[in-house]
Amino acid sequence: MQVEGGCHCGAVRFFADINEEPVPALDCNCSVCRMTGFLHIVVPHEKFDLLTGRDALTSYRFGTGTADHLFCRHCGVKSFYQPRSHPEAWSVNAHCLDQMPELAIETFDGANWEQAKASLDA
């Protein structure tokens, strides 16, 4: 399934190829995801293409500084970012897709990141 999405103002636009349906999504309770309502769809780098807006993106890092949270500098929306948990993939915000696919939502205890990541890897 091919999906498109982007930020609120339209400066940032992306395309992603997602192979599963329903689409696996993670609902994380870490401080930044909880506060912004980010709903994660993990997309391998090679299945994601930034169509427009590279110059509109600004970065925010916190904690370990590993995750690169990318926001549109015009409207402030984080439509995708480089997560700490999946260094080989982008995390796309399901709420930023033009058309929401059917999702299979799992919770991810990002507030206790180390233990949650270990359970993903098990």
PDB file of N, CA and C in Angstrom:
ATOM      1  N   MET A   1       0.843  -1.161   0.000  1.00  0.00           N
ATOM      2  CA  MET A   1       0.000   0.000   0.000  1.00  0.00           C
ATOM      3  C   MET A   1       0.899   1.239   0.000  1.00  0.00           C
ATOM      4  N   GLN A   2       0.587   2.166  -0.853  1.00  0.00           N
ATOM      5  CA  GLN A   2       1.344   3.402  -0.936  1.00  0.00           C
ATOM      6  C   GLN A   2       0.542   4.513  -0.275  1.00  0.00           C
ATOM      7  N   VAL A   3       1.205   5.278   0.596  1.00  0.00           N
ATOM      8  CA  VAL A   3       0.537   6.360   1.314  1.00  0.00           C
ATOM      9  C   VAL A   3       1.334   7.647   1.142  1.00  0.00           C
ATOM     10  N   GLU A   4       0.631   8.747   1.264  1.00  0.00           N
ATOM     11  CA  GLU A   4       1.272  10.058   1.255  1.00  0.00           C
ATOM     12  C   GLU A   4       0.789  10.836   2.457  1.00  0.00           C
ATOM     13  N   GLY A   5       1.596  11.791   2.857  1.00  0.00           N
ATOM     14  CA  GLY A   5       1.222  12.627   3.980  1.00  0.00           C
ATOM     15  C   GLY A   5       2.163  13.790   4.111  1.00  0.00           C
ATOM     16  N   GLY A   6       2.020  14.511   5.208  1.00  0.00           N
ATOM     17  CA  GLY A   6       2.877  15.653   5.439  1.00  0.00           C
ATOM     18  C   GLY A   6       2.419  16.471   6.623  1.00  0.00           C
ATOM     19  N   CYS A   7       2.966  17.667   6.706  1.00  0.00           N
ATOM     20  CA  CYS A   7       2.674  18.565   7.810  1.00  0.00           C
ATOM     21  C   CYS A   7       1.385  19.346   7.549  1.00  0.00           C
ATOM     22  N   HIS A   8       0.995  20.172   8.493  1.00  0.00           N
ATOM     23  CA  HIS A   8      -0.255  20.920   8.405  1.00  0.00           C
ATOM     24  C   HIS A   8      -0.250  21.949   7.282  1.00  0.00           C
ATOM     25  N   CYS A   9       0.860  22.680   7.123  1.00  0.00           N
ATOM     26  CA  CYS A   9       0.893  23.753   6.120  1.00  0.00           C
ATOM     27  C   CYS A   9       1.201  23.252   4.716  1.00  0.00           C
ATOM     28  N   GLY A  10       1.637  21.991   4.594  1.00  0.00           N
ATOM     29  CA  GLY A  10       1.922  21.413   3.288  1.00  0.00           C
ATOM     30  C   GLY A  10       3.349  21.594   2.804  1.00  0.00           C
ATOM     31  N   ALA A  11       4.187  22.250   3.578  1.00  0.00           N
ATOM     32  CA  ALA A  11       5.579  22.439   3.162  1.00  0.00           C
ATOM     33  C   ALA A  11       6.326  21.109   3.113  1.00  0.00           C
ATOM     34  N   VAL A  12       6.048  20.225   4.076  1.00  0.00           N
ATOM     35  CA  VAL A  12       6.688  18.907   4.152  1.00  0.00           C
ATOM     36  C   VAL A  12       5.711  17.871   3.614  1.00  0.00           C
ATOM     37  N   ARG A  13       6.129  17.138   2.594  1.00  0.00           N
ATOM     38  CA  ARG A  13       5.314  16.075   2.005  1.00  0.00           C
ATOM     39  C   ARG A  13       6.188  14.841   1.832  1.00  0.00           C
ATOM     40  N   PHE A  14       5.600  13.670   2.087  1.00  0.00           N
ATOM     41  CA  PHE A  14       6.346  12.421   1.946  1.00  0.00           C
ATOM     42  C   PHE A  14       5.469  11.346   1.327  1.00  0.00           C
ATOM     43  N   PHE A  15       6.148  10.301   0.881  1.00  0.00           N
ATOM     44  CA  PHE A  15       5.533   9.107   0.300  1.00  0.00           C
ATOM     45  C   PHE A  15       6.122   7.920   1.058  1.00  0.00           C
ATOM     46  N   ALA A  16       5.297   6.918   1.346  1.00  0.00           N
ATOM     47  CA  ALA A  16       5.788   5.702   1.989  1.00  0.00           C
ATOM     48  C   ALA A  16       5.096   4.488   1.394  1.00  0.00           C
ATOM     49  N   ASP A  17       5.825   3.404   1.324  1.00  0.00           N
ATOM     50  CA  ASP A  17       5.295   2.123   0.853  1.00  0.00           C
ATOM     51  C   ASP A  17       5.185   1.214   2.072  1.00  0.00           C
ATOM     52  N   ILE A  18       3.957   0.842   2.412  1.00  0.00           N
ATOM     53  CA  ILE A  18       3.691   0.024   3.592  1.00  0.00           C
ATOM     54  C   ILE A  18       3.113  -1.302   3.124  1.00  0.00           C
ATOM     55  N   ASN A  19       3.731  -2.403   3.554  1.00  0.00           N
ATOM     56  CA  ASN A  19       3.375  -3.715   3.009  1.00  0.00           C
ATOM     57  C   ASN A  19       2.314  -4.475   3.785  1.00  0.00           C
ATOM     58  N   GLU A  20       2.017  -4.073   5.012  1.00  0.00           N
ATOM     59  CA  GLU A  20       1.100  -4.855   5.829  1.00  0.00           C
ATOM     60  C   GLU A  20      -0.251  -4.157   5.973  1.00  0.00           C
ATOM     61  N   GLU A  21      -1.298  -4.969   6.082  1.00  0.00           N
ATOM     62  CA  GLU A  21      -2.611  -4.425   6.377  1.00  0.00           C
ATOM     63  C   GLU A  21      -3.343  -5.412   7.273  1.00  0.00           C
ATOM     64  N   PRO A  22      -3.868  -5.021   8.429  1.00  0.00           N
ATOM     65  CA  PRO A  22      -3.798  -3.656   8.933  1.00  0.00           C
ATOM     66  C   PRO A  22      -2.361  -3.238   9.236  1.00  0.00           C
ATOM     67  N   VAL A  23      -2.122  -1.955   9.195  1.00  0.00           N
ATOM     68  CA  VAL A  23      -0.782  -1.402   9.373  1.00  0.00           C
ATOM     69  C   VAL A  23      -0.429  -1.391  10.861  1.00  0.00           C
ATOM     70  N   PRO A  24       0.706  -2.029  11.226  1.00  0.00           N
ATOM     71  CA  PRO A  24       1.130  -1.986  12.626  1.00  0.00           C
ATOM     72  C   PRO A  24       1.466  -0.545  13.031  1.00  0.00           C
ATOM     73  N   ALA A  25       0.978  -0.127  14.188  1.00  0.00           N
ATOM     74  CA  ALA A  25       1.247   1.212  14.704  1.00  0.00           C
ATOM     75  C   ALA A  25       1.530   1.119  16.199  1.00  0.00           C
ATOM     76  N   LEU A  26       2.437   1.960  16.659  1.00  0.00           N
ATOM     77  CA  LEU A  26       2.782   1.990  18.077  1.00  0.00           C
ATOM     78  C   LEU A  26       2.261   3.273  18.710  1.00  0.00           C
ATOM     79  N   ASP A  27       1.574   3.121  19.823  1.00  0.00           N
ATOM     80  CA  ASP A  27       1.094   4.248  20.614  1.00  0.00           C
ATOM     81  C   ASP A  27       2.014   4.346  21.827  1.00  0.00           C
ATOM     82  N   CYS A  28       2.913   5.315  21.800  1.00  0.00           N
ATOM     83  CA  CYS A  28       3.967   5.458  22.799  1.00  0.00           C
ATOM     84  C   CYS A  28       3.555   6.455  23.881  1.00  0.00           C
ATOM     85  N   ASN A  29       3.945   6.160  25.127  1.00  0.00           N
ATOM     86  CA  ASN A  29       3.620   7.045  26.241  1.00  0.00           C
ATOM     87  C   ASN A  29       4.817   7.841  26.758  1.00  0.00           C
ATOM     88  N   CYS A  30       5.883   7.950  25.959  1.00  0.00           N
ATOM     89  CA  CYS A  30       7.008   8.779  26.400  1.00  0.00           C
ATOM     90  C   CYS A  30       6.546  10.241  26.448  1.00  0.00           C
ATOM     91  N   SER A  31       7.331  11.093  27.048  1.00  0.00           N
ATOM     92  CA  SER A  31       6.905  12.475  27.265  1.00  0.00           C
ATOM     93  C   SER A  31       6.564  13.199  25.965  1.00  0.00           C
ATOM     94  N   VAL A  32       7.387  13.085  24.949  1.00  0.00           N
ATOM     95  CA  VAL A  32       7.134  13.845  23.714  1.00  0.00           C
ATOM     96  C   VAL A  32       5.980  13.241  22.905  1.00  0.00           C
ATOM     97  N   CYS A  33       5.879  11.929  22.807  1.00  0.00           N
ATOM     98  CA  CYS A  33       4.778  11.304  22.049  1.00  0.00           C
ATOM     99  C   CYS A  33       3.439  11.529  22.741  1.00  0.00           C
ATOM    100  N   ARG A  34       3.448  11.415  24.074  1.00  0.00           N
ATOM    101  CA  ARG A  34       2.219  11.633  24.836  1.00  0.00           C
ATOM    102  C   ARG A  34       1.727  13.067  24.650  1.00  0.00           C
ATOM    103  N   MET A  35       2.643  14.021  24.686  1.00  0.00           N
ATOM    104  CA  MET A  35       2.252  15.425  24.592  1.00  0.00           C
ATOM    105  C   MET A  35       1.831  15.836  23.185  1.00  0.00           C
ATOM    106  N   THR A  36       2.370  15.172  22.171  1.00  0.00           N
ATOM    107  CA  THR A  36       2.058  15.561  20.786  1.00  0.00           C
ATOM    108  C   THR A  36       1.058  14.638  20.099  1.00  0.00           C
ATOM    109  N   GLY A  37       0.727  13.508  20.712  1.00  0.00           N
ATOM    110  CA  GLY A  37      -0.227  12.583  20.101  1.00  0.00           C
ATOM    111  C   GLY A  37       0.332  11.841  18.904  1.00  0.00           C
ATOM    112  N   PHE A  38       1.641  11.616  18.887  1.00  0.00           N
ATOM    113  CA  PHE A  38       2.287  10.930  17.774  1.00  0.00           C
ATOM    114  C   PHE A  38       1.908   9.451  17.791  1.00  0.00           C
ATOM    115  N   LEU A  39       1.453   8.917  16.666  1.00  0.00           N
ATOM    116  CA  LEU A  39       1.096   7.510  16.507  1.00  0.00           C
ATOM    117  C   LEU A  39       2.017   6.929  15.435  1.00  0.00           C
ATOM    118  N   HIS A  40       2.936   6.052  15.842  1.00  0.00           N
ATOM    119  CA  HIS A  40       4.061   5.594  15.029  1.00  0.00           C
ATOM    120  C   HIS A  40       3.720   4.499  14.026  1.00  0.00           C
ATOM    121  N   ILE A  41       4.076   4.734  12.776  1.00  0.00           N
ATOM    122  CA  ILE A  41       4.126   3.688  11.758  1.00  0.00           C
ATOM    123  C   ILE A  41       5.586   3.621  11.326  1.00  0.00           C
ATOM    124  N   VAL A  42       6.214   2.487  11.562  1.00  0.00           N
ATOM    125  CA  VAL A  42       7.637   2.333  11.261  1.00  0.00           C
ATOM    126  C   VAL A  42       7.806   1.945   9.797  1.00  0.00           C
ATOM    127  N   VAL A  43       8.593   2.759   9.066  1.00  0.00           N
ATOM    128  CA  VAL A  43       8.787   2.570   7.628  1.00  0.00           C
ATOM    129  C   VAL A  43      10.292   2.498   7.348  1.00  0.00           C
ATOM    130  N   PRO A  44      10.785   1.381   6.790  1.00  0.00           N
ATOM    131  CA  PRO A  44      12.210   1.295   6.453  1.00  0.00           C
ATOM    132  C   PRO A  44      12.643   2.473   5.569  1.00  0.00           C
ATOM    133  N   HIS A  45      13.859   2.939   5.772  1.00  0.00           N
ATOM    134  CA  HIS A  45      14.361   4.083   5.006  1.00  0.00           C
ATOM    135  C   HIS A  45      14.145   3.930   3.511  1.00  0.00           C
ATOM    136  N   GLU A  46      14.378   2.733   2.989  1.00  0.00           N
ATOM    137  CA  GLU A  46      14.285   2.538   1.534  1.00  0.00           C
ATOM    138  C   GLU A  46      12.842   2.559   1.022  1.00  0.00           C
ATOM    139  N   LYS A  47      11.860   2.550   1.920  1.00  0.00           N
ATOM    140  CA  LYS A  47      10.448   2.573   1.517  1.00  0.00           C
ATOM    141  C   LYS A  47       9.802   3.933   1.825  1.00  0.00           C
ATOM    142  N   PHE A  48      10.637   4.933   2.054  1.00  0.00           N
ATOM    143  CA  PHE A  48      10.175   6.277   2.390  1.00  0.00           C
ATOM    144  C   PHE A  48      10.875   7.280   1.474  1.00  0.00           C
ATOM    145  N   ASP A  49      10.125   8.255   1.002  1.00  0.00           N
ATOM    146  CA  ASP A  49      10.713   9.292   0.157  1.00  0.00           C
ATOM    147  C   ASP A  49      10.162  10.648   0.586  1.00  0.00           C
ATOM    148  N   LEU A  50      11.048  11.551   0.951  1.00  0.00           N
ATOM    149  CA  LEU A  50      10.656  12.920   1.261  1.00  0.00           C
ATOM    150  C   LEU A  50      10.474  13.647  -0.062  1.00  0.00           C
ATOM    151  N   LEU A  51       9.255  14.042  -0.363  1.00  0.00           N
ATOM    152  CA  LEU A  51       8.936  14.665  -1.651  1.00  0.00           C
ATOM    153  C   LEU A  51       9.275  16.146  -1.660  1.00  0.00           C
ATOM    154  N   THR A  52       8.900  16.857  -0.606  1.00  0.00           N
ATOM    155  CA  THR A  52       9.198  18.292  -0.502  1.00  0.00           C
ATOM    156  C   THR A  52       9.445  18.647   0.953  1.00  0.00           C
ATOM    157  N   GLY A  53      10.143  19.741   1.170  1.00  0.00           N
ATOM    158  CA  GLY A  53      10.267  20.314   2.491  1.00  0.00           C
ATOM    159  C   GLY A  53      11.518  20.031   3.280  1.00  0.00           C
ATOM    160  N   ARG A  54      12.530  19.453   2.658  1.00  0.00           N
ATOM    161  CA  ARG A  54      13.763  19.193   3.405  1.00  0.00           C
ATOM    162  C   ARG A  54      14.269  20.465   4.086  1.00  0.00           C
ATOM    163  N   ASP A  55      14.191  21.580   3.383  1.00  0.00           N
ATOM    164  CA  ASP A  55      14.671  22.850   3.944  1.00  0.00           C
ATOM    165  C   ASP A  55      13.703  23.433   4.979  1.00  0.00           C
ATOM    166  N   ALA A  56      12.502  22.890   5.101  1.00  0.00           N
ATOM    167  CA  ALA A  56      11.525  23.368   6.084  1.00  0.00           C
ATOM    168  C   ALA A  56      11.652  22.636   7.416  1.00  0.00           C
ATOM    169  N   LEU A  57      12.459  21.585   7.454  1.00  0.00           N
ATOM    170  CA  LEU A  57      12.568  20.776   8.668  1.00  0.00           C
ATOM    171  C   LEU A  57      13.581  21.361   9.652  1.00  0.00           C
ATOM    172  N   THR A  58      13.209  21.306  10.912  1.00  0.00           N
ATOM    173  CA  THR A  58      14.120  21.677  11.989  1.00  0.00           C
ATOM    174  C   THR A  58      14.167  20.511  12.969  1.00  0.00           C
ATOM    175  N   SER A  59      15.257  20.375  13.677  1.00  0.00           N
ATOM    176  CA  SER A  59      15.498  19.206  14.510  1.00  0.00           C
ATOM    177  C   SER A  59      15.424  19.540  16.003  1.00  0.00           C
ATOM    178  N   TYR A  60      14.934  18.580  16.770  1.00  0.00           N
ATOM    179  CA  TYR A  60      14.921  18.666  18.223  1.00  0.00           C
ATOM    180  C   TYR A  60      15.385  17.324  18.776  1.00  0.00           C
ATOM    181  N   ARG A  61      16.327  17.361  19.699  1.00  0.00           N
ATOM    182  CA  ARG A  61      16.822  16.148  20.358  1.00  0.00           C
ATOM    183  C   ARG A  61      16.762  16.354  21.861  1.00  0.00           C
ATOM    184  N   PHE A  62      16.480  15.276  22.589  1.00  0.00           N
ATOM    185  CA  PHE A  62      16.474  15.347  24.043  1.00  0.00           C
ATOM    186  C   PHE A  62      16.935  14.011  24.598  1.00  0.00           C
ATOM    187  N   GLY A  63      17.079  13.921  25.902  1.00  0.00           N
ATOM    188  CA  GLY A  63      17.517  12.661  26.519  1.00  0.00           C
ATOM    189  C   GLY A  63      18.878  12.247  26.003  1.00  0.00           C
ATOM    190  N   THR A  64      18.952  11.063  25.391  1.00  0.00           N
ATOM    191  CA  THR A  64      20.232  10.560  24.872  1.00  0.00           C
ATOM    192  C   THR A  64      20.667  11.303  23.613  1.00  0.00           C
ATOM    193  N   GLY A  65      19.742  12.031  22.964  1.00  0.00           N
ATOM    194  CA  GLY A  65      20.063  12.746  21.729  1.00  0.00           C
ATOM    195  C   GLY A  65      20.093  11.851  20.510  1.00  0.00           C
ATOM    196  N   THR A  66      19.732  10.586  20.662  1.00  0.00           N
ATOM    197  CA  THR A  66      19.784   9.636  19.550  1.00  0.00           C
ATOM    198  C   THR A  66      18.664   9.868  18.549  1.00  0.00           C
ATOM    199  N   ALA A  67      17.446  10.040  19.040  1.00  0.00           N
ATOM    200  CA  ALA A  67      16.305  10.280  18.144  1.00  0.00           C
ATOM    201  C   ALA A  67      16.396  11.690  17.578  1.00  0.00           C
ATOM    202  N   ASP A  68      16.093  11.817  16.296  1.00  0.00           N
ATOM    203  CA  ASP A  68      16.108  13.116  15.626  1.00  0.00           C
ATOM    204  C   ASP A  68      14.670  13.489  15.282  1.00  0.00           C
ATOM    205  N   HIS A  69      14.064  14.300  16.144  1.00  0.00           N
ATOM    206  CA  HIS A  69      12.674  14.728  15.981  1.00  0.00           C
ATOM    207  C   HIS A  69      12.651  15.886  14.991  1.00  0.00           C
ATOM    208  N   LEU A  70      12.029  15.673  13.845  1.00  0.00           N
ATOM    209  CA  LEU A  70      12.015  16.652  12.760  1.00  0.00           C
ATOM    210  C   LEU A  70      10.657  17.327  12.677  1.00  0.00           C
ATOM    211  N   PHE A  71      10.647  18.642  12.810  1.00  0.00           N
ATOM    212  CA  PHE A  71       9.422  19.436  12.795  1.00  0.00           C
ATOM    213  C   PHE A  71       9.447  20.392  11.620  1.00  0.00           C
ATOM    214  N   CYS A  72       8.283  20.677  11.067  1.00  0.00           N
ATOM    215  CA  CYS A  72       8.181  21.735  10.064  1.00  0.00           C
ATOM    216  C   CYS A  72       8.388  23.070  10.784  1.00  0.00           C
ATOM    217  N   ARG A  73       9.322  23.872  10.320  1.00  0.00           N
ATOM    218  CA  ARG A  73       9.608  25.145  10.981  1.00  0.00           C
ATOM    219  C   ARG A  73       8.515  26.179  10.752  1.00  0.00           C
ATOM    220  N   HIS A  74       7.611  25.903   9.815  1.00  0.00           N
ATOM    221  CA  HIS A  74       6.514  26.832   9.536  1.00  0.00           C
ATOM    222  C   HIS A  74       5.293  26.562  10.414  1.00  0.00           C
ATOM    223  N   CYS A  75       4.846  25.307  10.493  1.00  0.00           N
ATOM    224  CA  CYS A  75       3.611  24.991  11.234  1.00  0.00           C
ATOM    225  C   CYS A  75       3.854  24.216  12.522  1.00  0.00           C
ATOM    226  N   GLY A  76       5.064  23.689  12.718  1.00  0.00           N
ATOM    227  CA  GLY A  76       5.391  22.994  13.960  1.00  0.00           C
ATOM    228  C   GLY A  76       5.017  21.528  14.026  1.00  0.00           C
ATOM    229  N   VAL A  77       4.480  20.971  12.941  1.00  0.00           N
ATOM    230  CA  VAL A  77       4.036  19.569  12.965  1.00  0.00           C
ATOM    231  C   VAL A  77       5.205  18.616  12.697  1.00  0.00           C
ATOM    232  N   LYS A  78       5.255  17.548  13.516  1.00  0.00           N
ATOM    233  CA  LYS A  78       6.248  16.474  13.329  1.00  0.00           C
ATOM    234  C   LYS A  78       5.538  15.341  12.603  1.00  0.00           C
ATOM    235  N   SER A  79       5.694  15.273  11.285  1.00  0.00           N
ATOM    236  CA  SER A  79       5.008  14.254  10.496  1.00  0.00           C
ATOM    237  C   SER A  79       5.811  12.956  10.397  1.00  0.00           C
ATOM    238  N   PHE A  80       7.115  13.040  10.634  1.00  0.00           N
ATOM    239  CA  PHE A  80       7.971  11.855  10.672  1.00  0.00           C
ATOM    240  C   PHE A  80       9.254  12.239  11.402  1.00  0.00           C
ATOM    241  N   TYR A  81      10.001  11.225  11.841  1.00  0.00           N
ATOM    242  CA  TYR A  81      11.296  11.484  12.486  1.00  0.00           C
ATOM    243  C   TYR A  81      12.120  10.209  12.510  1.00  0.00           C
ATOM    244  N   GLN A  82      13.388  10.359  12.892  1.00  0.00           N
ATOM    245  CA  GLN A  82      14.293   9.223  13.028  1.00  0.00           C
ATOM    246  C   GLN A  82      14.259   8.748  14.476  1.00  0.00           C
ATOM    247  N   PRO A  83      13.603   7.597  14.749  1.00  0.00           N
ATOM    248  CA  PRO A  83      13.479   7.150  16.137  1.00  0.00           C
ATOM    249  C   PRO A  83      14.733   6.450  16.656  1.00  0.00           C
ATOM    250  N   ARG A  84      14.891   6.518  17.941  1.00  0.00           N
ATOM    251  CA  ARG A  84      15.959   5.791  18.634  1.00  0.00           C
ATOM    252  C   ARG A  84      15.724   4.284  18.546  1.00  0.00           C
ATOM    253  N   SER A  85      14.469   3.871  18.612  1.00  0.00           N
ATOM    254  CA  SER A  85      14.125   2.449  18.672  1.00  0.00           C
ATOM    255  C   SER A  85      14.317   1.704  17.358  1.00  0.00           C
ATOM    256  N   HIS A  86      14.276   2.414  16.222  1.00  0.00           N
ATOM    257  CA  HIS A  86      14.391   1.781  14.903  1.00  0.00           C
ATOM    258  C   HIS A  86      15.350   2.606  14.038  1.00  0.00           C
ATOM    259  N   PRO A  87      16.663   2.474  14.250  1.00  0.00           N
ATOM    260  CA  PRO A  87      17.627   3.311  13.519  1.00  0.00           C
ATOM    261  C   PRO A  87      17.642   3.064  12.010  1.00  0.00           C
ATOM    262  N   GLU A  88      17.065   1.957  11.547  1.00  0.00           N
ATOM    263  CA  GLU A  88      17.038   1.618  10.126  1.00  0.00           C
ATOM    264  C   GLU A  88      15.763   2.098   9.439  1.00  0.00           C
ATOM    265  N   ALA A  89      14.935   2.839  10.182  1.00  0.00           N
ATOM    266  CA  ALA A  89      13.628   3.222   9.649  1.00  0.00           C
ATOM    267  C   ALA A  89      13.234   4.623  10.124  1.00  0.00           C
ATOM    268  N   TRP A  90      12.260   5.185   9.439  1.00  0.00           N
ATOM    269  CA  TRP A  90      11.616   6.420   9.869  1.00  0.00           C
ATOM    270  C   TRP A  90      10.379   6.031  10.665  1.00  0.00           C
ATOM    271  N   SER A  91       9.963   6.887  11.562  1.00  0.00           N
ATOM    272  CA  SER A  91       8.681   6.737  12.225  1.00  0.00           C
ATOM    273  C   SER A  91       7.768   7.806  11.656  1.00  0.00           C
ATOM    274  N   VAL A  92       6.708   7.366  11.010  1.00  0.00           N
ATOM    275  CA  VAL A  92       5.743   8.261  10.369  1.00  0.00           C
ATOM    276  C   VAL A  92       4.548   8.414  11.310  1.00  0.00           C
ATOM    277  N   ASN A  93       4.058   9.632  11.462  1.00  0.00           N
ATOM    278  CA  ASN A  93       2.888   9.878  12.295  1.00  0.00           C
ATOM    279  C   ASN A  93       1.630   9.518  11.508  1.00  0.00           C
ATOM    280  N   ALA A  94       0.924   8.488  11.964  1.00  0.00           N
ATOM    281  CA  ALA A  94      -0.295   8.044  11.270  1.00  0.00           C
ATOM    282  C   ALA A  94      -1.293   9.185  11.118  1.00  0.00           C
ATOM    283  N   HIS A  95      -1.305  10.116  12.076  1.00  0.00           N
ATOM    284  CA  HIS A  95      -2.235  11.245  12.023  1.00  0.00           C
ATOM    285  C   HIS A  95      -1.892  12.227  10.905  1.00  0.00           C
ATOM    286  N   CYS A  96      -0.713  12.093  10.310  1.00  0.00           N
ATOM    287  CA  CYS A  96      -0.283  13.000   9.243  1.00  0.00           C
ATOM    288  C   CYS A  96      -0.456  12.403   7.848  1.00  0.00           C
ATOM    289  N   LEU A  97      -1.052  11.228   7.749  1.00  0.00           N
ATOM    290  CA  LEU A  97      -1.315  10.624   6.441  1.00  0.00           C
ATOM    291  C   LEU A  97      -2.552  11.264   5.822  1.00  0.00           C
ATOM    292  N   ASP A  98      -2.540  11.395   4.511  1.00  0.00           N
ATOM    293  CA  ASP A  98      -3.696  11.961   3.809  1.00  0.00           C
ATOM    294  C   ASP A  98      -4.941  11.111   4.022  1.00  0.00           C
ATOM    295  N   GLN A  99      -4.766   9.791   4.001  1.00  0.00           N
ATOM    296  CA  GLN A  99      -5.873   8.867   4.242  1.00  0.00           C
ATOM    297  C   GLN A  99      -5.392   7.845   5.263  1.00  0.00           C
ATOM    298  N   MET A 100      -6.113   7.736   6.358  1.00  0.00           N
ATOM    299  CA  MET A 100      -5.731   6.818   7.432  1.00  0.00           C
ATOM    300  C   MET A 100      -6.054   5.381   7.025  1.00  0.00           C
ATOM    301  N   PRO A 101      -5.022   4.516   6.967  1.00  0.00           N
ATOM    302  CA  PRO A 101      -5.292   3.097   6.683  1.00  0.00           C
ATOM    303  C   PRO A 101      -5.840   2.412   7.936  1.00  0.00           C
ATOM    304  N   GLU A 102      -6.278   1.183   7.788  1.00  0.00           N
ATOM    305  CA  GLU A 102      -6.669   0.410   8.963  1.00  0.00           C
ATOM    306  C   GLU A 102      -5.405   0.129   9.765  1.00  0.00           C
ATOM    307  N   LEU A 103      -5.458   0.397  11.063  1.00  0.00           N
ATOM    308  CA  LEU A 103      -4.283   0.251  11.918  1.00  0.00           C
ATOM    309  C   LEU A 103      -4.471  -0.880  12.927  1.00  0.00           C
ATOM    310  N   ALA A 104      -3.375  -1.555  13.245  1.00  0.00           N
ATOM    311  CA  ALA A 104      -3.313  -2.516  14.349  1.00  0.00           C
ATOM    312  C   ALA A 104      -2.425  -1.851  15.397  1.00  0.00           C
ATOM    313  N   ILE A 105      -3.052  -1.204  16.380  1.00  0.00           N
ATOM    314  CA  ILE A 105      -2.313  -0.375  17.334  1.00  0.00           C
ATOM    315  C   ILE A 105      -1.880  -1.197  18.548  1.00  0.00           C
ATOM    316  N   GLU A 106      -0.574  -1.093  18.854  1.00  0.00           N
ATOM    317  CA  GLU A 106       0.016  -1.690  20.058  1.00  0.00           C
ATOM    318  C   GLU A 106       0.530  -0.563  20.924  1.00  0.00           C
ATOM    319  N   THR A 107       0.502  -0.755  22.224  1.00  0.00           N
ATOM    320  CA  THR A 107       1.088   0.245  23.104  1.00  0.00           C
ATOM    321  C   THR A 107       2.591  -0.011  23.233  1.00  0.00           C
ATOM    322  N   PHE A 108       3.339   1.061  23.396  1.00  0.00           N
ATOM    323  CA  PHE A 108       4.789   0.985  23.607  1.00  0.00           C
ATOM    324  C   PHE A 108       5.088   1.840  24.826  1.00  0.00           C
ATOM    325  N   ASP A 109       5.687   1.247  25.845  1.00  0.00           N
ATOM    326  CA  ASP A 109       5.967   1.940  27.098  1.00  0.00           C
ATOM    327  C   ASP A 109       7.254   2.752  26.992  1.00  0.00           C
ATOM    328  N   GLY A 110       7.199   3.804  26.189  1.00  0.00           N
ATOM    329  CA  GLY A 110       8.369   4.665  25.999  1.00  0.00           C
ATOM    330  C   GLY A 110       8.771   5.413  27.246  1.00  0.00           C
ATOM    331  N   ALA A 111       7.869   5.535  28.220  1.00  0.00           N
ATOM    332  CA  ALA A 111       8.224   6.157  29.494  1.00  0.00           C
ATOM    333  C   ALA A 111       9.266   5.306  30.224  1.00  0.00           C
ATOM    334  N   ASN A 112       9.295   4.005  29.905  1.00  0.00           N
ATOM    335  CA  ASN A 112      10.305   3.068  30.423  1.00  0.00           C
ATOM    336  C   ASN A 112      11.020   2.454  29.222  1.00  0.00           C
ATOM    337  N   TRP A 113      11.717   3.291  28.471  1.00  0.00           N
ATOM    338  CA  TRP A 113      12.227   2.976  27.147  1.00  0.00           C
ATOM    339  C   TRP A 113      13.102   1.723  27.102  1.00  0.00           C
ATOM    340  N   GLU A 114      14.066   1.617  27.991  1.00  0.00           N
ATOM    341  CA  GLU A 114      15.012   0.482  27.940  1.00  0.00           C
ATOM    342  C   GLU A 114      14.290  -0.867  28.037  1.00  0.00           C
ATOM    343  N   GLN A 115      13.364  -0.990  28.970  1.00  0.00           N
ATOM    344  CA  GLN A 115      12.628  -2.244  29.139  1.00  0.00           C
ATOM    345  C   GLN A 115      11.699  -2.489  27.950  1.00  0.00           C
ATOM    346  N   ALA A 116      11.051  -1.447  27.465  1.00  0.00           N
ATOM    347  CA  ALA A 116      10.124  -1.589  26.327  1.00  0.00           C
ATOM    348  C   ALA A 116      10.887  -2.013  25.075  1.00  0.00           C
ATOM    349  N   LYS A 117      12.041  -1.433  24.826  1.00  0.00           N
ATOM    350  CA  LYS A 117      12.850  -1.786  23.654  1.00  0.00           C
ATOM    351  C   LYS A 117      13.316  -3.239  23.758  1.00  0.00           C
ATOM    352  N   ALA A 118      13.705  -3.659  24.949  1.00  0.00           N
ATOM    353  CA  ALA A 118      14.134  -5.054  25.138  1.00  0.00           C
ATOM    354  C   ALA A 118      13.005  -6.016  24.826  1.00  0.00           C
ATOM    355  N   SER A 119      11.764  -5.667  25.170  1.00  0.00           N
ATOM    356  CA  SER A 119      10.645  -6.556  24.872  1.00  0.00           C
ATOM    357  C   SER A 119      10.343  -6.583  23.372  1.00  0.00           C
ATOM    358  N   LEU A 120      10.597  -5.473  22.660  1.00  0.00           N
ATOM    359  CA  LEU A 120      10.438  -5.464  21.197  1.00  0.00           C
ATOM    360  C   LEU A 120      11.446  -6.393  20.535  1.00  0.00           C
ATOM    361  N   ASP A 121      12.648  -6.402  21.059  1.00  0.00           N
ATOM    362  CA  ASP A 121      13.736  -7.197  20.476  1.00  0.00           C
ATOM    363  C   ASP A 121      13.629  -8.680  20.821  1.00  0.00           C
ATOM    364  N   ALA A 122      12.845  -9.006  21.836  1.00  0.00           N
ATOM    365  CA  ALA A 122      12.740 -10.420  22.291  1.00  0.00           C
ATOM    366  C   ALA A 122      11.957 -11.271  21.312  1.00  0.00           C
TER     367      ALA A 122
END
